[in-house]
Amino acid sequence: MRRMLDRLFLPLLGLCAVGAVALAMAWPQGLGARSWGPFGHTPVQQTPAMKAAMQREHEAAQQRARQARDAVRDLQSQAIAPAQ
C-alpha cells in the first residue's frame, strides 16, 4: 500500500513543482522588470507618470532636508554669537 502511494504522490509532487516554477516565470511580476511575452505589463514604477511623481517627491525631500540643515545652522550660529 505504501509503495502505491509513493508511486502516485511523488510524480504528482514533481508535476506541481514544475507548474509552480512555470507560473513564477510568467506571473505575477511584482514591481520589478516586465514579465516575458504576453504575460507582463509595464510595472507601475516604470510608467512616465509615476517616474515624474517619484522625481517630484525626491526633489521635495531634498528641499526639506536643505531647509532643515539651514535652520539648524542658523540656530547654531545664534547660540554661538547671539544677535545684540
PDB file of N, CA and C in Angstrom:
ATOM      1  N   MET A   1       0.826  -1.190   0.000  1.00  0.00           N
ATOM      2  CA  MET A   1       0.000   0.000   0.000  1.00  0.00           C
ATOM      3  C   MET A   1       0.872   1.257   0.000  1.00  0.00           C
ATOM      4  N   ARG A   2       1.915   1.269   0.820  1.00  0.00           N
ATOM      5  CA  ARG A   2       2.785   2.437   0.900  1.00  0.00           C
ATOM      6  C   ARG A   2       3.507   2.685  -0.425  1.00  0.00           C
ATOM      7  N   ARG A   3       3.902   1.605  -1.071  1.00  0.00           N
ATOM      8  CA  ARG A   3       4.596   1.740  -2.346  1.00  0.00           C
ATOM      9  C   ARG A   3       3.666   2.355  -3.396  1.00  0.00           C
ATOM     10  N   MET A   4       2.414   2.054  -3.336  1.00  0.00           N
ATOM     11  CA  MET A   4       1.440   2.591  -4.273  1.00  0.00           C
ATOM     12  C   MET A   4       1.260   4.096  -4.061  1.00  0.00           C
ATOM     13  N   LEU A   5       1.221   4.534  -2.796  1.00  0.00           N
ATOM     14  CA  LEU A   5       1.093   5.961  -2.516  1.00  0.00           C
ATOM     15  C   LEU A   5       2.311   6.730  -3.026  1.00  0.00           C
ATOM     16  N   ASP A   6       3.501   6.173  -2.847  1.00  0.00           N
ATOM     17  CA  ASP A   6       4.713   6.829  -3.328  1.00  0.00           C
ATOM     18  C   ASP A   6       4.714   6.947  -4.845  1.00  0.00           C
ATOM     19  N   ARG A   7       4.215   5.943  -5.521  1.00  0.00           N
ATOM     20  CA  ARG A   7       4.181   5.969  -6.981  1.00  0.00           C
ATOM     21  C   ARG A   7       3.242   7.057  -7.500  1.00  0.00           C
ATOM     22  N   LEU A   8       2.224   7.362  -6.763  1.00  0.00           N
ATOM     23  CA  LEU A   8       1.292   8.402  -7.184  1.00  0.00           C
ATOM     24  C   LEU A   8       1.696   9.784  -6.662  1.00  0.00           C
ATOM     25  N   PHE A   9       2.137   9.812  -5.418  1.00  0.00           N
ATOM     26  CA  PHE A   9       2.386  11.085  -4.757  1.00  0.00           C
ATOM     27  C   PHE A   9       3.634  11.794  -5.293  1.00  0.00           C
ATOM     28  N   LEU A  10       4.734  11.091  -5.442  1.00  0.00           N
ATOM     29  CA  LEU A  10       5.978  11.735  -5.855  1.00  0.00           C
ATOM     30  C   LEU A  10       5.919  12.304  -7.273  1.00  0.00           C
ATOM     31  N   PRO A  11       5.383  11.591  -8.269  1.00  0.00           N
ATOM     32  CA  PRO A  11       5.245  12.243  -9.583  1.00  0.00           C
ATOM     33  C   PRO A  11       4.291  13.444  -9.556  1.00  0.00           C
ATOM     34  N   LEU A  12       3.239  13.342  -8.765  1.00  0.00           N
ATOM     35  CA  LEU A  12       2.317  14.463  -8.627  1.00  0.00           C
ATOM     36  C   LEU A  12       3.009  15.661  -7.974  1.00  0.00           C
ATOM     37  N   LEU A  13       3.819  15.401  -6.975  1.00  0.00           N
ATOM     38  CA  LEU A  13       4.578  16.458  -6.315  1.00  0.00           C
ATOM     39  C   LEU A  13       5.564  17.106  -7.291  1.00  0.00           C
ATOM     40  N   GLY A  14       6.235  16.303  -8.110  1.00  0.00           N
ATOM     41  CA  GLY A  14       7.150  16.835  -9.115  1.00  0.00           C
ATOM     42  C   GLY A  14       6.428  17.681 -10.148  1.00  0.00           C
ATOM     43  N   LEU A  15       5.266  17.230 -10.567  1.00  0.00           N
ATOM     44  CA  LEU A  15       4.469  17.985 -11.527  1.00  0.00           C
ATOM     45  C   LEU A  15       4.023  19.330 -10.938  1.00  0.00           C
ATOM     46  N   CYS A  16       3.636  19.310  -9.685  1.00  0.00           N
ATOM     47  CA  CYS A  16       3.262  20.567  -9.010  1.00  0.00           C
ATOM     48  C   CYS A  16       4.451  21.520  -8.917  1.00  0.00           C
ATOM     49  N   ALA A  17       5.626  21.011  -8.643  1.00  0.00           N
ATOM     50  CA  ALA A  17       6.829  21.846  -8.561  1.00  0.00           C
ATOM     51  C   ALA A  17       7.142  22.474  -9.915  1.00  0.00           C
ATOM     52  N   VAL A  18       7.072  21.682 -10.981  1.00  0.00           N
ATOM     53  CA  VAL A  18       7.314  22.215 -12.329  1.00  0.00           C
ATOM     54  C   VAL A  18       6.268  23.270 -12.669  1.00  0.00           C
ATOM     55  N   GLY A  19       5.028  23.026 -12.319  1.00  0.00           N
ATOM     56  CA  GLY A  19       3.970  24.006 -12.572  1.00  0.00           C
ATOM     57  C   GLY A  19       4.189  25.301 -11.804  1.00  0.00           C
ATOM     58  N   ALA A  20       4.645  25.191 -10.564  1.00  0.00           N
ATOM     59  CA  ALA A  20       4.905  26.392  -9.765  1.00  0.00           C
ATOM     60  C   ALA A  20       6.047  27.208 -10.364  1.00  0.00           C
ATOM     61  N   VAL A  21       7.083  26.540 -10.839  1.00  0.00           N
ATOM     62  CA  VAL A  21       8.204  27.248 -11.465  1.00  0.00           C
ATOM     63  C   VAL A  21       7.741  27.920 -12.756  1.00  0.00           C
ATOM     64  N   ALA A  22       6.963  27.230 -13.561  1.00  0.00           N
ATOM     65  CA  ALA A  22       6.458  27.812 -14.809  1.00  0.00           C
ATOM     66  C   ALA A  22       5.576  29.023 -14.527  1.00  0.00           C
ATOM     67  N   LEU A  23       4.737  28.938 -13.513  1.00  0.00           N
ATOM     68  CA  LEU A  23       3.880  30.057 -13.149  1.00  0.00           C
ATOM     69  C   LEU A  23       4.705  31.231 -12.633  1.00  0.00           C
ATOM     70  N   ALA A  24       5.743  30.956 -11.856  1.00  0.00           N
ATOM     71  CA  ALA A  24       6.582  32.023 -11.322  1.00  0.00           C
ATOM     72  C   ALA A  24       7.359  32.737 -12.421  1.00  0.00           C
ATOM     73  N   MET A  25       7.643  32.051 -13.520  1.00  0.00           N
ATOM     74  CA  MET A  25       8.363  32.686 -14.627  1.00  0.00           C
ATOM     75  C   MET A  25       7.488  33.699 -15.355  1.00  0.00           C
ATOM     76  N   ALA A  26       6.186  33.523 -15.313  1.00  0.00           N
ATOM     77  CA  ALA A  26       5.297  34.364 -16.100  1.00  0.00           C
ATOM     78  C   ALA A  26       4.464  35.330 -15.269  1.00  0.00           C
ATOM     79  N   TRP A  27       4.067  34.947 -14.074  1.00  0.00           N
ATOM     80  CA  TRP A  27       3.100  35.747 -13.334  1.00  0.00           C
ATOM     81  C   TRP A  27       3.179  35.412 -11.873  1.00  0.00           C
ATOM     82  N   PRO A  28       3.047  36.295 -10.936  1.00  0.00           N
ATOM     83  CA  PRO A  28       2.961  37.750 -11.089  1.00  0.00           C
ATOM     84  C   PRO A  28       4.346  38.369 -11.199  1.00  0.00           C
ATOM     85  N   GLN A  29       4.416  39.514 -11.786  1.00  0.00           N
ATOM     86  CA  GLN A  29       5.710  40.133 -11.997  1.00  0.00           C
ATOM     87  C   GLN A  29       6.105  41.067 -10.870  1.00  0.00           C
ATOM     88  N   GLY A  30       5.172  41.526 -10.065  1.00  0.00           N
ATOM     89  CA  GLY A  30       5.516  42.439  -8.986  1.00  0.00           C
ATOM     90  C   GLY A  30       5.885  43.813  -9.532  1.00  0.00           C
ATOM     91  N   LEU A  31       6.797  44.482  -8.857  1.00  0.00           N
ATOM     92  CA  LEU A  31       7.206  45.822  -9.263  1.00  0.00           C
ATOM     93  C   LEU A  31       8.531  45.831 -10.004  1.00  0.00           C
ATOM     94  N   GLY A  32       9.085  44.679 -10.287  1.00  0.00           N
ATOM     95  CA  GLY A  32      10.384  44.586 -10.943  1.00  0.00           C
ATOM     96  C   GLY A  32      10.273  44.721 -12.442  1.00  0.00           C
ATOM     97  N   ALA A  33      11.097  43.991 -13.150  1.00  0.00           N
ATOM     98  CA  ALA A  33      11.134  44.061 -14.604  1.00  0.00           C
ATOM     99  C   ALA A  33       9.893  43.403 -15.201  1.00  0.00           C
ATOM    100  N   ARG A  34       9.590  43.776 -16.413  1.00  0.00           N
ATOM    101  CA  ARG A  34       8.410  43.263 -17.095  1.00  0.00           C
ATOM    102  C   ARG A  34       8.539  41.764 -17.355  1.00  0.00           C
ATOM    103  N   SER A  35       7.455  41.035 -17.182  1.00  0.00           N
ATOM    104  CA  SER A  35       7.442  39.612 -17.485  1.00  0.00           C
ATOM    105  C   SER A  35       7.537  39.420 -18.994  1.00  0.00           C
ATOM    106  N   TRP A  36       8.011  38.267 -19.409  1.00  0.00           N
ATOM    107  CA  TRP A  36       8.216  37.989 -20.820  1.00  0.00           C
ATOM    108  C   TRP A  36       6.898  37.745 -21.541  1.00  0.00           C
ATOM    109  N   GLY A  37       6.933  37.950 -22.825  1.00  0.00           N
ATOM    110  CA  GLY A  37       5.828  37.601 -23.706  1.00  0.00           C
ATOM    111  C   GLY A  37       4.528  38.309 -23.414  1.00  0.00           C
ATOM    112  N   PRO A  38       3.432  37.601 -23.595  1.00  0.00           N
ATOM    113  CA  PRO A  38       2.120  38.225 -23.458  1.00  0.00           C
ATOM    114  C   PRO A  38       1.665  38.367 -22.009  1.00  0.00           C
ATOM    115  N   PHE A  39       2.482  37.929 -21.062  1.00  0.00           N
ATOM    116  CA  PHE A  39       2.031  37.897 -19.674  1.00  0.00           C
ATOM    117  C   PHE A  39       2.197  39.215 -18.950  1.00  0.00           C
ATOM    118  N   GLY A  40       3.229  39.976 -19.296  1.00  0.00           N
ATOM    119  CA  GLY A  40       3.563  41.137 -18.487  1.00  0.00           C
ATOM    120  C   GLY A  40       2.948  42.430 -18.963  1.00  0.00           C
ATOM    121  N   HIS A  41       3.073  43.425 -18.135  1.00  0.00           N
ATOM    122  CA  HIS A  41       2.719  44.796 -18.471  1.00  0.00           C
ATOM    123  C   HIS A  41       3.787  45.681 -17.851  1.00  0.00           C
ATOM    124  N   THR A  42       3.826  46.927 -18.251  1.00  0.00           N
ATOM    125  CA  THR A  42       4.835  47.828 -17.723  1.00  0.00           C
ATOM    126  C   THR A  42       4.594  48.013 -16.230  1.00  0.00           C
ATOM    127  N   PRO A  43       5.621  47.765 -15.396  1.00  0.00           N
ATOM    128  CA  PRO A  43       5.440  47.947 -13.957  1.00  0.00           C
ATOM    129  C   PRO A  43       5.055  49.389 -13.627  1.00  0.00           C
ATOM    130  N   VAL A  44       4.293  49.553 -12.567  1.00  0.00           N
ATOM    131  CA  VAL A  44       3.775  50.865 -12.185  1.00  0.00           C
ATOM    132  C   VAL A  44       4.907  51.866 -11.995  1.00  0.00           C
ATOM    133  N   GLN A  45       6.004  51.442 -11.391  1.00  0.00           N
ATOM    134  CA  GLN A  45       7.104  52.364 -11.110  1.00  0.00           C
ATOM    135  C   GLN A  45       7.861  52.779 -12.367  1.00  0.00           C
ATOM    136  N   GLN A  46       7.612  52.138 -13.493  1.00  0.00           N
ATOM    137  CA  GLN A  46       8.305  52.485 -14.723  1.00  0.00           C
ATOM    138  C   GLN A  46       7.443  53.289 -15.683  1.00  0.00           C
ATOM    139  N   THR A  47       6.227  53.634 -15.291  1.00  0.00           N
ATOM    140  CA  THR A  47       5.382  54.456 -16.155  1.00  0.00           C
ATOM    141  C   THR A  47       5.856  55.902 -16.072  1.00  0.00           C
ATOM    142  N   PRO A  48       5.690  56.671 -17.148  1.00  0.00           N
ATOM    143  CA  PRO A  48       6.152  58.065 -17.133  1.00  0.00           C
ATOM    144  C   PRO A  48       5.525  58.902 -16.013  1.00  0.00           C
ATOM    145  N   ALA A  49       4.243  58.699 -15.745  1.00  0.00           N
ATOM    146  CA  ALA A  49       3.584  59.479 -14.693  1.00  0.00           C
ATOM    147  C   ALA A  49       4.184  59.168 -13.318  1.00  0.00           C
ATOM    148  N   MET A  50       4.437  57.899 -13.053  1.00  0.00           N
ATOM    149  CA  MET A  50       4.996  57.519 -11.757  1.00  0.00           C
ATOM    150  C   MET A  50       6.443  57.995 -11.634  1.00  0.00           C
ATOM    151  N   LYS A  51       7.205  57.915 -12.733  1.00  0.00           N
ATOM    152  CA  LYS A  51       8.582  58.411 -12.698  1.00  0.00           C
ATOM    153  C   LYS A  51       8.607  59.902 -12.384  1.00  0.00           C
ATOM    154  N   ALA A  52       7.691  60.664 -13.001  1.00  0.00           N
ATOM    155  CA  ALA A  52       7.619  62.101 -12.733  1.00  0.00           C
ATOM    156  C   ALA A  52       7.231  62.366 -11.284  1.00  0.00           C
ATOM    157  N   ALA A  53       6.276  61.603 -10.764  1.00  0.00           N
ATOM    158  CA  ALA A  53       5.862  61.773  -9.365  1.00  0.00           C
ATOM    159  C   ALA A  53       7.002  61.431  -8.409  1.00  0.00           C
ATOM    160  N   MET A  54       7.738  60.371  -8.714  1.00  0.00           N
ATOM    161  CA  MET A  54       8.864  59.995  -7.858  1.00  0.00           C
ATOM    162  C   MET A  54       9.956  61.071  -7.903  1.00  0.00           C
ATOM    163  N   GLN A  55      10.186  61.671  -9.069  1.00  0.00           N
ATOM    164  CA  GLN A  55      11.180  62.735  -9.190  1.00  0.00           C
ATOM    165  C   GLN A  55      10.753  63.965  -8.396  1.00  0.00           C
ATOM    166  N   ARG A  56       9.459  64.323  -8.480  1.00  0.00           N
ATOM    167  CA  ARG A  56       8.955  65.469  -7.702  1.00  0.00           C
ATOM    168  C   ARG A  56       9.113  65.221  -6.210  1.00  0.00           C
ATOM    169  N   GLU A  57       8.806  64.012  -5.762  1.00  0.00           N
ATOM    170  CA  GLU A  57       8.931  63.680  -4.339  1.00  0.00           C
ATOM    171  C   GLU A  57      10.394  63.731  -3.905  1.00  0.00           C
ATOM    172  N   HIS A  58      11.279  63.262  -4.751  1.00  0.00           N
ATOM    173  CA  HIS A  58      12.707  63.293  -4.431  1.00  0.00           C
ATOM    174  C   HIS A  58      13.196  64.738  -4.294  1.00  0.00           C
ATOM    175  N   GLU A  59      12.800  65.591  -5.224  1.00  0.00           N
ATOM    176  CA  GLU A  59      13.204  66.994  -5.159  1.00  0.00           C
ATOM    177  C   GLU A  59      12.618  67.688  -3.937  1.00  0.00           C
ATOM    178  N   ALA A  60      11.376  67.373  -3.594  1.00  0.00           N
ATOM    179  CA  ALA A  60      10.757  67.960  -2.405  1.00  0.00           C
ATOM    180  C   ALA A  60      11.476  67.500  -1.136  1.00  0.00           C
ATOM    181  N   ALA A  61      11.854  66.240  -1.091  1.00  0.00           N
ATOM    182  CA  ALA A  61      12.576  65.727   0.079  1.00  0.00           C
ATOM    183  C   ALA A  61      13.941  66.401   0.200  1.00  0.00           C
ATOM    184  N   GLN A  62      14.613  66.619  -0.926  1.00  0.00           N
ATOM    185  CA  GLN A  62      15.900  67.320  -0.880  1.00  0.00           C
ATOM    186  C   GLN A  62      15.723  68.752  -0.397  1.00  0.00           C
ATOM    187  N   GLN A  63      14.668  69.425  -0.839  1.00  0.00           N
ATOM    188  CA  GLN A  63      14.398  70.795  -0.404  1.00  0.00           C
ATOM    189  C   GLN A  63      14.117  70.841   1.097  1.00  0.00           C
ATOM    190  N   ARG A  64      13.322  69.887   1.605  1.00  0.00           N
ATOM    191  CA  ARG A  64      13.041  69.849   3.044  1.00  0.00           C
ATOM    192  C   ARG A  64      14.312  69.602   3.844  1.00  0.00           C
ATOM    193  N   ALA A  65      15.174  68.716   3.363  1.00  0.00           N
ATOM    194  CA  ALA A  65      16.436  68.445   4.056  1.00  0.00           C
ATOM    195  C   ALA A  65      17.334  69.677   4.043  1.00  0.00           C
ATOM    196  N   ARG A  66      17.364  70.383   2.923  1.00  0.00           N
ATOM    197  CA  ARG A  66      18.168  71.599   2.820  1.00  0.00           C
ATOM    198  C   ARG A  66      17.655  72.659   3.786  1.00  0.00           C
ATOM    199  N   GLN A  67      16.325  72.815   3.874  1.00  0.00           N
ATOM    200  CA  GLN A  67      15.746  73.790   4.803  1.00  0.00           C
ATOM    201  C   GLN A  67      16.044  73.425   6.252  1.00  0.00           C
ATOM    202  N   ALA A  68      15.981  72.123   6.567  1.00  0.00           N
ATOM    203  CA  ALA A  68      16.277  71.689   7.939  1.00  0.00           C
ATOM    204  C   ALA A  68      17.736  71.969   8.281  1.00  0.00           C
ATOM    205  N   ARG A  69      18.652  71.703   7.353  1.00  0.00           N
ATOM    206  CA  ARG A  69      20.070  71.992   7.602  1.00  0.00           C
ATOM    207  C   ARG A  69      20.303  73.480   7.802  1.00  0.00           C
ATOM    208  N   ASP A  70      19.633  74.300   6.988  1.00  0.00           N
ATOM    209  CA  ASP A  70      19.771  75.750   7.138  1.00  0.00           C
ATOM    210  C   ASP A  70      19.233  76.218   8.485  1.00  0.00           C
ATOM    211  N   ALA A  71      18.112  75.662   8.911  1.00  0.00           N
ATOM    212  CA  ALA A  71      17.543  76.042  10.207  1.00  0.00           C
ATOM    213  C   ALA A  71      18.473  75.665  11.348  1.00  0.00           C
ATOM    214  N   VAL A  72      19.052  74.480  11.281  1.00  0.00           N
ATOM    215  CA  VAL A  72      19.992  74.053  12.322  1.00  0.00           C
ATOM    216  C   VAL A  72      21.222  74.949  12.312  1.00  0.00           C
ATOM    217  N   ARG A  73      21.704  75.263  11.123  1.00  0.00           N
ATOM    218  CA  ARG A  73      22.881  76.137  11.008  1.00  0.00           C
ATOM    219  C   ARG A  73      22.585  77.515  11.610  1.00  0.00           C
ATOM    220  N   ASP A  74      21.390  78.044  11.343  1.00  0.00           N
ATOM    221  CA  ASP A  74      21.016  79.348  11.909  1.00  0.00           C
ATOM    222  C   ASP A  74      20.924  79.283  13.430  1.00  0.00           C
ATOM    223  N   LEU A  75      20.332  78.226  13.951  1.00  0.00           N
ATOM    224  CA  LEU A  75      20.230  78.083  15.407  1.00  0.00           C
ATOM    225  C   LEU A  75      21.608  77.959  16.045  1.00  0.00           C
ATOM    226  N   GLN A  76      22.497  77.228  15.416  1.00  0.00           N
ATOM    227  CA  GLN A  76      23.838  77.081  15.959  1.00  0.00           C
ATOM    228  C   GLN A  76      24.610  78.397  15.927  1.00  0.00           C
ATOM    229  N   SER A  77      24.430  79.147  14.844  1.00  0.00           N
ATOM    230  CA  SER A  77      25.145  80.429  14.780  1.00  0.00           C
ATOM    231  C   SER A  77      24.567  81.430  15.795  1.00  0.00           C
ATOM    232  N   GLN A  78      23.268  81.367  16.064  1.00  0.00           N
ATOM    233  CA  GLN A  78      22.674  82.229  17.087  1.00  0.00           C
ATOM    234  C   GLN A  78      23.130  81.834  18.489  1.00  0.00           C
ATOM    235  N   ALA A  79      23.336  80.534  18.714  1.00  0.00           N
ATOM    236  CA  ALA A  79      23.781  80.074  20.033  1.00  0.00           C
ATOM    237  C   ALA A  79      25.224  80.476  20.280  1.00  0.00           C
ATOM    238  N   ILE A  80      26.038  80.476  19.232  1.00  0.00           N
ATOM    239  CA  ILE A  80      27.445  80.833  19.391  1.00  0.00           C
ATOM    240  C   ILE A  80      27.615  82.342  19.523  1.00  0.00           C
ATOM    241  N   ALA A  81      26.971  83.108  18.662  1.00  0.00           N
ATOM    242  CA  ALA A  81      27.076  84.560  18.678  1.00  0.00           C
ATOM    243  C   ALA A  81      25.663  85.161  18.638  1.00  0.00           C
ATOM    244  N   PRO A  82      25.012  85.311  19.782  1.00  0.00           N
ATOM    245  CA  PRO A  82      23.635  85.838  19.792  1.00  0.00           C
ATOM    246  C   PRO A  82      23.579  87.258  19.221  1.00  0.00           C
ATOM    247  N   ALA A  83      22.466  87.545  18.571  1.00  0.00           N
ATOM    248  CA  ALA A  83      22.287  88.889  17.995  1.00  0.00           C
ATOM    249  C   ALA A  83      22.114  89.902  19.118  1.00  0.00           C
ATOM    250  N   GLN A  84      22.737  91.064  18.945  1.00  0.00           N
ATOM    251  CA  GLN A  84      22.684  92.078  20.019  1.00  0.00           C
ATOM    252  C   GLN A  84      21.813  93.228  19.676  1.00  0.00           C
TER     253      GLN A  84
END
